[in-house]
Structures are given as structure tokens and as C-alpha cells.
PDB file of N, CA and C in Angstrom:
ATOM      1  N   MET A   1       0.503  13.822  13.648  1.00  0.00           N
ATOM      2  CA  MET A   1       1.453  14.364  14.063  1.00  0.00           C
ATOM      3  C   MET A   1       2.606  14.226  13.198  1.00  0.00           C
ATOM      4  N   SER A   2       2.868  15.303  13.509  1.00  0.00           N
ATOM      5  CA  SER A   2       3.972  15.884  12.104  1.00  0.00           C
ATOM      6  C   SER A   2       5.153  16.057  13.010  1.00  0.00           C
ATOM      7  N   ASP A   3       6.482  15.865  12.451  1.00  0.00           N
ATOM      8  CA  ASP A   3       7.596  16.629  12.638  1.00  0.00           C
ATOM      9  C   ASP A   3       7.938  17.982  11.916  1.00  0.00           C
ATOM     10  N   ALA A   4       9.417  18.279  12.082  1.00  0.00           N
ATOM     11  CA  ALA A   4       9.256  19.754  11.839  1.00  0.00           C
ATOM     12  C   ALA A   4       9.724  19.513   9.996  1.00  0.00           C
ATOM     13  N   ASP A   5       9.978  18.677   9.561  1.00  0.00           N
ATOM     14  CA  ASP A   5       9.447  18.754   8.394  1.00  0.00           C
ATOM     15  C   ASP A   5       8.887  17.970   7.471  1.00  0.00           C
ATOM     16  N   GLY A   6       6.971  18.549   8.442  1.00  0.00           N
ATOM     17  CA  GLY A   6       6.480  18.136   7.885  1.00  0.00           C
ATOM     18  C   GLY A   6       5.939  16.737   7.454  1.00  0.00           C
ATOM     19  N   GLU A   7       6.620  15.539   7.561  1.00  0.00           N
ATOM     20  CA  GLU A   7       6.589  14.203   8.013  1.00  0.00           C
ATOM     21  C   GLU A   7       5.716  13.712   9.078  1.00  0.00           C
ATOM     22  N   GLN A   8       4.939  12.869   8.470  1.00  0.00           N
ATOM     23  CA  GLN A   8       4.468  12.354   9.597  1.00  0.00           C
ATOM     24  C   GLN A   8       5.296  11.318  10.448  1.00  0.00           C
ATOM     25  N   LYS A   9       4.981  11.243  11.552  1.00  0.00           N
ATOM     26  CA  LYS A   9       5.586  10.020  12.614  1.00  0.00           C
ATOM     27  C   LYS A   9       4.816   8.871  12.142  1.00  0.00           C
ATOM     28  N   ARG A  10       5.431   7.960  12.201  1.00  0.00           N
ATOM     29  CA  ARG A  10       4.933   6.816  11.432  1.00  0.00           C
ATOM     30  C   ARG A  10       5.924   5.311  12.520  1.00  0.00           C
ATOM     31  N   ALA A  11       5.361   4.500  12.634  1.00  0.00           N
ATOM     32  CA  ALA A  11       5.581   2.961  13.804  1.00  0.00           C
ATOM     33  C   ALA A  11       6.758   2.597  11.893  1.00  0.00           C
ATOM     34  N   HIS A  12       6.115   2.953  11.161  1.00  0.00           N
ATOM     35  CA  HIS A  12       7.197   1.558  10.062  1.00  0.00           C
ATOM     36  C   HIS A  12       7.804   2.546   8.927  1.00  0.00           C
ATOM     37  N   LYS A  13       9.305   2.630   8.692  1.00  0.00           N
ATOM     38  CA  LYS A  13       9.612   3.360   7.477  1.00  0.00           C
ATOM     39  C   LYS A  13       8.874   3.091   6.466  1.00  0.00           C
ATOM     40  N   ARG A  14       8.167   4.019   5.399  1.00  0.00           N
ATOM     41  CA  ARG A  14       7.507   4.221   4.409  1.00  0.00           C
ATOM     42  C   ARG A  14       7.887   4.031   2.953  1.00  0.00           C
ATOM     43  N   VAL A  15       8.018   3.191   1.844  1.00  0.00           N
ATOM     44  CA  VAL A  15       9.074   3.215   0.673  1.00  0.00           C
ATOM     45  C   VAL A  15       8.269   3.677  -0.716  1.00  0.00           C
ATOM     46  N   SER A  16       8.205   4.816  -0.812  1.00  0.00           N
ATOM     47  CA  SER A  16       7.591   5.621  -2.237  1.00  0.00           C
ATOM     48  C   SER A  16       8.220   4.377  -2.876  1.00  0.00           C
ATOM     49  N   ILE A  17       6.482   4.578  -3.853  1.00  0.00           N
ATOM     50  CA  ILE A  17       6.992   3.109  -5.308  1.00  0.00           C
ATOM     51  C   ILE A  17       5.633   3.419  -5.706  1.00  0.00           C
ATOM     52  N   VAL A  18       5.750   2.267  -6.726  1.00  0.00           N
ATOM     53  CA  VAL A  18       4.803   2.797  -7.419  1.00  0.00           C
ATOM     54  C   VAL A  18       4.528   1.043  -7.942  1.00  0.00           C
ATOM     55  N   LEU A  19       3.205   0.336  -7.553  1.00  0.00           N
ATOM     56  CA  LEU A  19       2.880  -1.079  -7.880  1.00  0.00           C
ATOM     57  C   LEU A  19       1.165  -1.244  -7.933  1.00  0.00           C
ATOM     58  N   ARG A  20       1.079  -1.954  -8.924  1.00  0.00           N
ATOM     59  CA  ARG A  20      -0.365  -2.473  -9.234  1.00  0.00           C
ATOM     60  C   ARG A  20      -0.580  -3.137  -7.784  1.00  0.00           C
ATOM     61  N   GLY A  21      -1.989  -3.398  -7.987  1.00  0.00           N
ATOM     62  CA  GLY A  21      -2.413  -4.175  -7.191  1.00  0.00           C
ATOM     63  C   GLY A  21      -4.499  -3.998  -7.260  1.00  0.00           C
ATOM     64  N   SER A  22      -4.774  -5.365  -6.646  1.00  0.00           N
ATOM     65  CA  SER A  22      -6.233  -4.033  -6.418  1.00  0.00           C
ATOM     66  C   SER A  22      -6.986  -4.658  -4.771  1.00  0.00           C
ATOM     67  N   ILE A  23      -7.688  -3.696  -4.708  1.00  0.00           N
ATOM     68  CA  ILE A  23      -8.824  -4.596  -4.035  1.00  0.00           C
ATOM     69  C   ILE A  23      -9.780  -5.425  -3.717  1.00  0.00           C
ATOM     70  N   ILE A  24     -10.045  -7.088  -2.846  1.00  0.00           N
ATOM     71  CA  ILE A  24     -11.254  -7.712  -2.806  1.00  0.00           C
ATOM     72  C   ILE A  24     -11.869  -7.377  -1.536  1.00  0.00           C
ATOM     73  N   ASP A  25     -12.988  -7.329  -2.223  1.00  0.00           N
ATOM     74  CA  ASP A  25     -14.355  -7.254  -1.166  1.00  0.00           C
ATOM     75  C   ASP A  25     -15.215  -7.562  -1.237  1.00  0.00           C
ATOM     76  N   ASN A  26     -15.312  -9.145  -0.711  1.00  0.00           N
ATOM     77  CA  ASN A  26     -17.186  -9.354  -0.969  1.00  0.00           C
ATOM     78  C   ASN A  26     -17.187  -9.736  -2.125  1.00  0.00           C
ATOM     79  N   GLY A  27     -15.727 -10.325  -2.784  1.00  0.00           N
ATOM     80  CA  GLY A  27     -16.028 -10.529  -4.123  1.00  0.00           C
ATOM     81  C   GLY A  27     -15.947  -9.492  -5.374  1.00  0.00           C
ATOM     82  N   ASP A  28     -16.013  -8.099  -5.024  1.00  0.00           N
ATOM     83  CA  ASP A  28     -15.735  -7.252  -6.093  1.00  0.00           C
ATOM     84  C   ASP A  28     -14.429  -6.981  -6.029  1.00  0.00           C
ATOM     85  N   GLU A  29     -14.019  -6.529  -7.500  1.00  0.00           N
ATOM     86  CA  GLU A  29     -12.396  -6.274  -7.297  1.00  0.00           C
ATOM     87  C   GLU A  29     -12.091  -5.406  -8.015  1.00  0.00           C
ATOM     88  N   THR A  30     -11.565  -3.993  -7.247  1.00  0.00           N
ATOM     89  CA  THR A  30     -11.010  -2.898  -7.696  1.00  0.00           C
ATOM     90  C   THR A  30      -9.487  -2.723  -7.882  1.00  0.00           C
ATOM     91  N   LYS A  31      -9.426  -2.208  -8.832  1.00  0.00           N
ATOM     92  CA  LYS A  31      -7.756  -1.801  -9.693  1.00  0.00           C
ATOM     93  C   LYS A  31      -7.469  -0.470  -8.458  1.00  0.00           C
ATOM     94  N   VAL A  32      -6.179  -0.653  -8.188  1.00  0.00           N
ATOM     95  CA  VAL A  32      -5.591   0.353  -7.167  1.00  0.00           C
ATOM     96  C   VAL A  32      -4.221   0.119  -8.090  1.00  0.00           C
ATOM     97  N   ILE A  33      -3.525   1.569  -7.701  1.00  0.00           N
ATOM     98  CA  ILE A  33      -2.180   1.618  -7.491  1.00  0.00           C
ATOM     99  C   ILE A  33      -1.899   1.819  -5.989  1.00  0.00           C
ATOM    100  N   ILE A  34      -0.450   1.038  -5.793  1.00  0.00           N
ATOM    101  CA  ILE A  34      -0.049   1.334  -4.481  1.00  0.00           C
ATOM    102  C   ILE A  34       1.053   2.387  -4.626  1.00  0.00           C
ATOM    103  N   ASN A  35       1.317   3.528  -3.455  1.00  0.00           N
ATOM    104  CA  ASN A  35       2.203   4.859  -3.431  1.00  0.00           C
ATOM    105  C   ASN A  35       3.122   4.573  -2.929  1.00  0.00           C
ATOM    106  N   ASP A  36       3.015   4.313  -1.959  1.00  0.00           N
ATOM    107  CA  ASP A  36       4.022   3.783  -0.828  1.00  0.00           C
ATOM    108  C   ASP A  36       3.245   2.291   0.218  1.00  0.00           C
ATOM    109  N   LEU A  37       4.220   1.841   0.638  1.00  0.00           N
ATOM    110  CA  LEU A  37       4.231   0.892   1.457  1.00  0.00           C
ATOM    111  C   LEU A  37       5.393   1.000   1.976  1.00  0.00           C
ATOM    112  N   SER A  38       4.519  -0.159   4.011  1.00  0.00           N
ATOM    113  CA  SER A  38       5.629   0.267   4.875  1.00  0.00           C
ATOM    114  C   SER A  38       4.883  -1.973   4.815  1.00  0.00           C
ATOM    115  N   ARG A  39       5.882  -1.518   6.449  1.00  0.00           N
ATOM    116  CA  ARG A  39       5.758  -3.711   7.694  1.00  0.00           C
ATOM    117  C   ARG A  39       4.294  -3.195   7.700  1.00  0.00           C
ATOM    118  N   GLY A  40       3.435  -1.410   8.326  1.00  0.00           N
ATOM    119  CA  GLY A  40       2.358  -2.019   8.572  1.00  0.00           C
ATOM    120  C   GLY A  40       1.165  -1.450   7.382  1.00  0.00           C
ATOM    121  N   GLY A  41       1.152  -1.039   6.902  1.00  0.00           N
ATOM    122  CA  GLY A  41       0.247  -0.650   5.923  1.00  0.00           C
ATOM    123  C   GLY A  41       0.811   0.474   4.498  1.00  0.00           C
ATOM    124  N   ALA A  42       0.023   0.327   3.578  1.00  0.00           N
ATOM    125  CA  ALA A  42       0.435   1.141   2.470  1.00  0.00           C
ATOM    126  C   ALA A  42      -0.765   2.900   1.542  1.00  0.00           C
ATOM    127  N   LYS A  43      -0.221   3.165   0.748  1.00  0.00           N
ATOM    128  CA  LYS A  43      -0.966   4.435   0.540  1.00  0.00           C
ATOM    129  C   LYS A  43      -1.572   3.891  -0.690  1.00  0.00           C
ATOM    130  N   LEU A  44      -3.086   3.965  -1.372  1.00  0.00           N
ATOM    131  CA  LEU A  44      -3.206   4.060  -2.155  1.00  0.00           C
ATOM    132  C   LEU A  44      -4.218   4.242  -3.246  1.00  0.00           C
ATOM    133  N   ARG A  45      -4.096   4.575  -4.541  1.00  0.00           N
ATOM    134  CA  ARG A  45      -4.493   5.604  -5.274  1.00  0.00           C
ATOM    135  C   ARG A  45      -6.164   4.364  -6.363  1.00  0.00           C
ATOM    136  N   VAL A  46      -6.791   5.103  -5.984  1.00  0.00           N
ATOM    137  CA  VAL A  46      -8.519   3.959  -6.897  1.00  0.00           C
ATOM    138  C   VAL A  46      -8.756   5.688  -7.624  1.00  0.00           C
ATOM    139  N   ALA A  47      -9.620   5.102  -8.626  1.00  0.00           N
ATOM    140  CA  ALA A  47     -10.456   5.866  -9.069  1.00  0.00           C
ATOM    141  C   ALA A  47     -11.162   6.471  -8.117  1.00  0.00           C
ATOM    142  N   GLU A  48     -11.779   7.645  -8.177  1.00  0.00           N
ATOM    143  CA  GLU A  48     -13.136   8.689  -7.389  1.00  0.00           C
ATOM    144  C   GLU A  48     -14.286   7.735  -7.675  1.00  0.00           C
ATOM    145  N   GLY A  49     -14.758   7.153  -6.287  1.00  0.00           N
ATOM    146  CA  GLY A  49     -16.158   7.033  -6.543  1.00  0.00           C
ATOM    147  C   GLY A  49     -16.189   5.273  -6.342  1.00  0.00           C
ATOM    148  N   THR A  50     -14.877   4.701  -6.278  1.00  0.00           N
ATOM    149  CA  THR A  50     -14.313   3.581  -6.447  1.00  0.00           C
ATOM    150  C   THR A  50     -14.002   2.443  -4.851  1.00  0.00           C
ATOM    151  N   GLY A  51     -13.594   1.352  -4.537  1.00  0.00           N
ATOM    152  CA  GLY A  51     -12.507   0.913  -3.712  1.00  0.00           C
ATOM    153  C   GLY A  51     -13.790   0.321  -2.769  1.00  0.00           C
ATOM    154  N   PRO A  52     -13.445   0.084  -1.625  1.00  0.00           N
ATOM    155  CA  PRO A  52     -14.025  -0.834  -0.746  1.00  0.00           C
ATOM    156  C   PRO A  52     -15.140  -0.731  -0.151  1.00  0.00           C
ATOM    157  N   LYS A  53     -16.182  -1.415   0.032  1.00  0.00           N
ATOM    158  CA  LYS A  53     -17.839  -1.031   0.817  1.00  0.00           C
ATOM    159  C   LYS A  53     -16.919  -1.050   2.515  1.00  0.00           C
ATOM    160  N   SER A  54     -16.164  -2.348   2.521  1.00  0.00           N
ATOM    161  CA  SER A  54     -16.692  -2.752   4.036  1.00  0.00           C
ATOM    162  C   SER A  54     -14.345  -2.098   4.702  1.00  0.00           C
ATOM    163  N   ILE A  55     -14.854  -2.092   6.270  1.00  0.00           N
ATOM    164  CA  ILE A  55     -13.715  -0.950   6.688  1.00  0.00           C
ATOM    165  C   ILE A  55     -12.356  -2.413   6.263  1.00  0.00           C
ATOM    166  N   SER A  56     -12.732  -3.709   6.306  1.00  0.00           N
ATOM    167  CA  SER A  56     -11.491  -4.529   6.328  1.00  0.00           C
ATOM    168  C   SER A  56     -11.930  -5.587   5.162  1.00  0.00           C
ATOM    169  N   PHE A  57     -10.588  -5.603   4.403  1.00  0.00           N
ATOM    170  CA  PHE A  57     -10.549  -6.653   2.733  1.00  0.00           C
ATOM    171  C   PHE A  57      -9.283  -6.958   2.311  1.00  0.00           C
ATOM    172  N   THR A  58      -8.892  -7.391   1.507  1.00  0.00           N
ATOM    173  CA  THR A  58      -8.309  -8.423   0.994  1.00  0.00           C
ATOM    174  C   THR A  58      -7.393  -7.111   0.191  1.00  0.00           C
ATOM    175  N   LEU A  59      -6.030  -7.093   0.479  1.00  0.00           N
ATOM    176  CA  LEU A  59      -5.039  -5.923  -0.703  1.00  0.00           C
ATOM    177  C   LEU A  59      -4.276  -6.959  -1.794  1.00  0.00           C
ATOM    178  N   LYS A  60      -4.585  -7.338  -2.719  1.00  0.00           N
ATOM    179  CA  LYS A  60      -3.675  -8.274  -3.677  1.00  0.00           C
ATOM    180  C   LYS A  60      -2.831  -7.144  -4.548  1.00  0.00           C
ATOM    181  N   ILE A  61      -1.851  -6.964  -4.108  1.00  0.00           N
ATOM    182  CA  ILE A  61      -0.434  -7.008  -4.859  1.00  0.00           C
ATOM    183  C   ILE A  61       0.165  -7.786  -6.380  1.00  0.00           C
ATOM    184  N   ASN A  62      -0.178  -7.321  -7.098  1.00  0.00           N
ATOM    185  CA  ASN A  62       0.901  -7.824  -8.489  1.00  0.00           C
ATOM    186  C   ASN A  62       1.802  -8.505  -8.198  1.00  0.00           C
ATOM    187  N   ASN A  63       2.191 -10.154  -8.484  1.00  0.00           N
ATOM    188  CA  ASN A  63       3.139 -10.837  -8.379  1.00  0.00           C
ATOM    189  C   ASN A  63       3.990 -10.817  -7.423  1.00  0.00           C
ATOM    190  N   ILE A  64       2.945 -10.413  -5.719  1.00  0.00           N
ATOM    191  CA  ILE A  64       3.254 -10.088  -4.576  1.00  0.00           C
ATOM    192  C   ILE A  64       3.081 -11.216  -3.864  1.00  0.00           C
ATOM    193  N   GLY A  65       1.664 -11.218  -3.721  1.00  0.00           N
ATOM    194  CA  GLY A  65       0.482 -11.797  -2.503  1.00  0.00           C
ATOM    195  C   GLY A  65      -0.563 -11.348  -2.326  1.00  0.00           C
ATOM    196  N   GLU A  66      -0.894 -11.591  -1.639  1.00  0.00           N
ATOM    197  CA  GLU A  66      -2.172 -10.890  -0.540  1.00  0.00           C
ATOM    198  C   GLU A  66      -2.182 -10.738   0.834  1.00  0.00           C
ATOM    199  N   LEU A  67      -2.791  -9.767   1.211  1.00  0.00           N
ATOM    200  CA  LEU A  67      -2.899  -8.967   2.409  1.00  0.00           C
ATOM    201  C   LEU A  67      -3.988  -8.470   3.098  1.00  0.00           C
ATOM    202  N   ASP A  68      -3.987  -8.781   4.379  1.00  0.00           N
ATOM    203  CA  ASP A  68      -5.344  -8.270   4.468  1.00  0.00           C
ATOM    204  C   ASP A  68      -5.357  -7.228   5.065  1.00  0.00           C
ATOM    205  N   ALA A  69      -6.056  -5.935   5.285  1.00  0.00           N
ATOM    206  CA  ALA A  69      -5.726  -5.331   5.077  1.00  0.00           C
ATOM    207  C   ALA A  69      -7.104  -4.473   5.868  1.00  0.00           C
ATOM    208  N   LYS A  70      -7.475  -3.264   6.054  1.00  0.00           N
ATOM    209  CA  LYS A  70      -8.533  -2.472   7.185  1.00  0.00           C
ATOM    210  C   LYS A  70      -8.091  -1.061   6.539  1.00  0.00           C
ATOM    211  N   LEU A  71      -9.222  -0.604   6.526  1.00  0.00           N
ATOM    212  CA  LEU A  71      -9.101   0.962   5.841  1.00  0.00           C
ATOM    213  C   LEU A  71      -8.878   2.070   6.571  1.00  0.00           C
ATOM    214  N   CYS A  72      -8.025   2.868   6.811  1.00  0.00           N
ATOM    215  CA  CYS A  72      -7.686   3.696   7.422  1.00  0.00           C
ATOM    216  C   CYS A  72      -8.657   5.438   7.995  1.00  0.00           C
ATOM    217  N   TRP A  73      -7.934   6.315   6.390  1.00  0.00           N
ATOM    218  CA  TRP A  73      -8.226   7.190   6.725  1.00  0.00           C
ATOM    219  C   TRP A  73      -8.777   7.657   4.236  1.00  0.00           C
ATOM    220  N   ARG A  74      -8.840   8.160   3.877  1.00  0.00           N
ATOM    221  CA  ARG A  74      -9.917   8.331   2.772  1.00  0.00           C
ATOM    222  C   ARG A  74      -9.478   9.989   2.190  1.00  0.00           C
ATOM    223  N   LYS A  75      -9.295  10.300   0.853  1.00  0.00           N
ATOM    224  CA  LYS A  75      -9.649  11.482   1.056  1.00  0.00           C
ATOM    225  C   LYS A  75      -9.497  11.150  -0.591  1.00  0.00           C
ATOM    226  N   ASP A  76     -10.785  11.309  -1.744  1.00  0.00           N
ATOM    227  CA  ASP A  76     -10.927  12.281  -3.020  1.00  0.00           C
ATOM    228  C   ASP A  76     -10.377  10.311  -3.192  1.00  0.00           C
ATOM    229  N   ASP A  77      -9.315  10.090  -4.721  1.00  0.00           N
ATOM    230  CA  ASP A  77      -8.677   8.916  -5.214  1.00  0.00           C
ATOM    231  C   ASP A  77      -7.693   8.419  -4.266  1.00  0.00           C
ATOM    232  N   LEU A  78      -7.851   9.152  -3.004  1.00  0.00           N
ATOM    233  CA  LEU A  78      -6.454   8.034  -1.995  1.00  0.00           C
ATOM    234  C   LEU A  78      -6.778   7.469  -0.204  1.00  0.00           C
ATOM    235  N   MET A  79      -6.375   6.735  -0.574  1.00  0.00           N
ATOM    236  CA  MET A  79      -6.196   5.901   0.739  1.00  0.00           C
ATOM    237  C   MET A  79      -5.343   5.406   1.599  1.00  0.00           C
ATOM    238  N   GLY A  80      -5.408   5.798   3.211  1.00  0.00           N
ATOM    239  CA  GLY A  80      -4.235   4.798   3.496  1.00  0.00           C
ATOM    240  C   GLY A  80      -5.032   3.688   4.551  1.00  0.00           C
ATOM    241  N   VAL A  81      -3.888   2.843   4.609  1.00  0.00           N
ATOM    242  CA  VAL A  81      -4.665   1.008   4.607  1.00  0.00           C
ATOM    243  C   VAL A  81      -3.495   0.666   5.710  1.00  0.00           C
ATOM    244  N   GLN A  82      -3.713  -0.122   6.762  1.00  0.00           N
ATOM    245  CA  GLN A  82      -3.362  -0.571   8.038  1.00  0.00           C
ATOM    246  C   GLN A  82      -3.317  -2.745   7.450  1.00  0.00           C
ATOM    247  N   PHE A  83      -2.179  -2.628   7.773  1.00  0.00           N
ATOM    248  CA  PHE A  83      -2.070  -4.743   7.391  1.00  0.00           C
ATOM    249  C   PHE A  83      -2.940  -5.138   8.443  1.00  0.00           C
ATOM    250  N   GLU A  84      -3.420  -5.515   8.449  1.00  0.00           N
ATOM    251  CA  GLU A  84      -3.678  -6.852   9.499  1.00  0.00           C
ATOM    252  C   GLU A  84      -2.208  -7.625  10.207  1.00  0.00           C
ATOM    253  N   GLU A  85      -2.588  -8.001  11.730  1.00  0.00           N
ATOM    254  CA  GLU A  85      -1.191  -9.200  11.653  1.00  0.00           C
ATOM    255  C   GLU A  85      -1.038 -10.202  10.661  1.00  0.00           C
ATOM    256  N   GLY A  86      -0.357 -11.030  10.919  1.00  0.00           N
ATOM    257  CA  GLY A  86       0.258 -12.617   9.448  1.00  0.00           C
ATOM    258  C   GLY A  86       0.785 -12.047   8.426  1.00  0.00           C
ATOM    259  N   SER A  87       0.761 -10.168   8.334  1.00  0.00           N
ATOM    260  CA  SER A  87       0.857 -10.274   6.648  1.00  0.00           C
ATOM    261  C   SER A  87       2.569 -10.410   6.650  1.00  0.00           C
ATOM    262  N   THR A  88       3.303 -10.388   7.728  1.00  0.00           N
ATOM    263  CA  THR A  88       4.835 -10.511   7.613  1.00  0.00           C
ATOM    264  C   THR A  88       5.470 -11.124   6.149  1.00  0.00           C
ATOM    265  N   GLU A  89       5.062 -12.273   5.843  1.00  0.00           N
ATOM    266  CA  GLU A  89       5.518 -13.008   4.948  1.00  0.00           C
ATOM    267  C   GLU A  89       5.494 -12.505   3.126  1.00  0.00           C
ATOM    268  N   VAL A  90       4.288 -12.043   3.582  1.00  0.00           N
ATOM    269  CA  VAL A  90       3.643 -11.307   1.855  1.00  0.00           C
ATOM    270  C   VAL A  90       4.464 -10.431   2.169  1.00  0.00           C
ATOM    271  N   PHE A  91       4.743  -9.423   2.965  1.00  0.00           N
ATOM    272  CA  PHE A  91       5.558  -8.210   3.499  1.00  0.00           C
ATOM    273  C   PHE A  91       7.432  -8.656   2.857  1.00  0.00           C
ATOM    274  N   LYS A  92       7.612  -9.570   3.110  1.00  0.00           N
ATOM    275  CA  LYS A  92       8.978  -9.252   2.670  1.00  0.00           C
ATOM    276  C   LYS A  92       9.068 -10.160   1.166  1.00  0.00           C
ATOM    277  N   ARG A  93       8.097 -10.285   0.735  1.00  0.00           N
ATOM    278  CA  ARG A  93       7.942 -10.598  -0.352  1.00  0.00           C
ATOM    279  C   ARG A  93       8.323  -9.622  -1.350  1.00  0.00           C
ATOM    280  N   ALA A  94       7.403  -8.602  -0.915  1.00  0.00           N
ATOM    281  CA  ALA A  94       7.395  -7.456  -1.355  1.00  0.00           C
ATOM    282  C   ALA A  94       8.363  -5.980  -1.246  1.00  0.00           C
ATOM    283  N   ALA A  95       9.048  -6.362   0.163  1.00  0.00           N
ATOM    284  CA  ALA A  95      10.492  -6.062  -0.170  1.00  0.00           C
ATOM    285  C   ALA A  95      12.046  -6.674  -0.659  1.00  0.00           C
ATOM    286  N   ALA A  96      11.582  -7.856  -0.755  1.00  0.00           N
ATOM    287  CA  ALA A  96      12.224  -8.044  -2.035  1.00  0.00           C
ATOM    288  C   ALA A  96      12.477  -7.672  -3.168  1.00  0.00           C
ATOM    289  N   TYR A  97      10.831  -7.550  -3.930  1.00  0.00           N
ATOM    290  CA  TYR A  97      11.073  -7.098  -5.329  1.00  0.00           C
ATOM    291  C   TYR A  97      11.138  -6.489  -5.149  1.00  0.00           C
ATOM    292  N   ILE A  98      10.651  -4.930  -3.976  1.00  0.00           N
ATOM    293  CA  ILE A  98      11.101  -3.658  -4.392  1.00  0.00           C
ATOM    294  C   ILE A  98      12.484  -3.645  -4.933  1.00  0.00           C
ATOM    295  N   THR A  99      13.716  -4.764  -3.562  1.00  0.00           N
ATOM    296  CA  THR A  99      15.284  -4.575  -3.769  1.00  0.00           C
ATOM    297  C   THR A  99      15.408  -4.821  -4.879  1.00  0.00           C
ATOM    298  N   SER A 100      15.018  -5.484  -6.075  1.00  0.00           N
ATOM    299  CA  SER A 100      15.364  -5.786  -6.800  1.00  0.00           C
ATOM    300  C   SER A 100      14.821  -4.877  -7.790  1.00  0.00           C
ATOM    301  N   LEU A 101      14.583  -4.014  -8.148  1.00  0.00           N
ATOM    302  CA  LEU A 101      13.930  -3.309  -8.693  1.00  0.00           C
ATOM    303  C   LEU A 101      14.994  -2.800  -9.856  1.00  0.00           C
ATOM    304  N   PRO A 102      14.801  -2.466 -10.731  1.00  0.00           N
ATOM    305  CA  PRO A 102      16.673  -1.284 -11.292  1.00  0.00           C
ATOM    306  C   PRO A 102      16.386  -0.232 -10.941  1.00  0.00           C
ATOM    307  N   VAL A 103      17.024   0.728 -10.488  1.00  0.00           N
ATOM    308  CA  VAL A 103      17.231   1.593  -9.967  1.00  0.00           C
ATOM    309  C   VAL A 103      17.451   2.861 -11.179  1.00  0.00           C
ATOM    310  N   ALA A 104      16.217   3.983 -11.578  1.00  0.00           N
ATOM    311  CA  ALA A 104      16.336   4.953 -12.801  1.00  0.00           C
ATOM    312  C   ALA A 104      17.846   5.628 -12.769  1.00  0.00           C
ATOM    313  N   PRO A 105      18.036   5.800 -13.775  1.00  0.00           N
ATOM    314  CA  PRO A 105      19.756   6.732 -13.699  1.00  0.00           C
ATOM    315  C   PRO A 105      19.125   7.927 -13.024  1.00  0.00           C
ATOM    316  N   TRP A 106      18.710   8.501 -13.297  1.00  0.00           N
ATOM    317  CA  TRP A 106      18.211   9.778 -12.867  1.00  0.00           C
ATOM    318  C   TRP A 106      18.319  10.189 -11.042  1.00  0.00           C
ATOM    319  N   ALA A 107      17.583   8.765 -10.407  1.00  0.00           N
ATOM    320  CA  ALA A 107      17.372   8.643  -9.113  1.00  0.00           C
ATOM    321  C   ALA A 107      18.722   8.051  -8.739  1.00  0.00           C
ATOM    322  N   ALA A 108      19.486   7.698  -9.216  1.00  0.00           N
ATOM    323  CA  ALA A 108      21.320   6.871  -8.520  1.00  0.00           C
ATOM    324  C   ALA A 108      22.156   8.720  -8.521  1.00  0.00           C
ATOM    325  N   ARG A 109      21.376   9.001  -7.191  1.00  0.00           N
ATOM    326  CA  ARG A 109      22.578   9.768  -6.883  1.00  0.00           C
ATOM    327  C   ARG A 109      23.188   9.651  -5.731  1.00  0.00           C
TER     328      ARG A 109
END
């Protein structure tokens, strides 16, 4: 569902970010870029044709931790995931990490 600005209505506000991570699925590891993150999920970028073989897997965010995730949608090299219950502590570490990052000079307005 979209509002007048074209933004989807979500239960949790998403933060645009670029973080490195990986999907761990039955022992296989696939590198990903996390493009946005919220308390409830994330948008990931993977190499086209790669990614999890299962619907449920572990998302490892470098320097932050691991979250149990479920695939919600996929289009080309993008995928949306929803975090499973119990990921609150890892998300708190992610939020602290994001807020500790310096703001790019062109973005500080």
C-alpha cells in the first residue's frame, strides 16, 4: 500500500544505509549489501542469480551481529527480508552503529 508520496506504509521506519553482510543458509554464505534497515526488516542487494535457497535464513551484518530473517520478496538483485522475533538486541547494536557514523558533509543540511 502506498501513500500520496509513493512511500509504502510500514510498521517500522526504515533507515537508508549501506552496510556489508552475508546470508547464511544451510552452510552456504552469500555476500550482500544492506540498503536499508528497520527494526522489522531490511532491503538487501545480492548478485543476480545468488541468494538463499530457503525462505528462512540468517542475516549476518558485519561488525554488528546475526539476525534470523525470512524472505518476503525478490526482484532481480534486490530482496526484502523480515526479521524474526528475538532480534531486538542485534537491532539495538545496529542502530547504535548507524548513529555513530559520521555524517557526510553534503548530507548535513
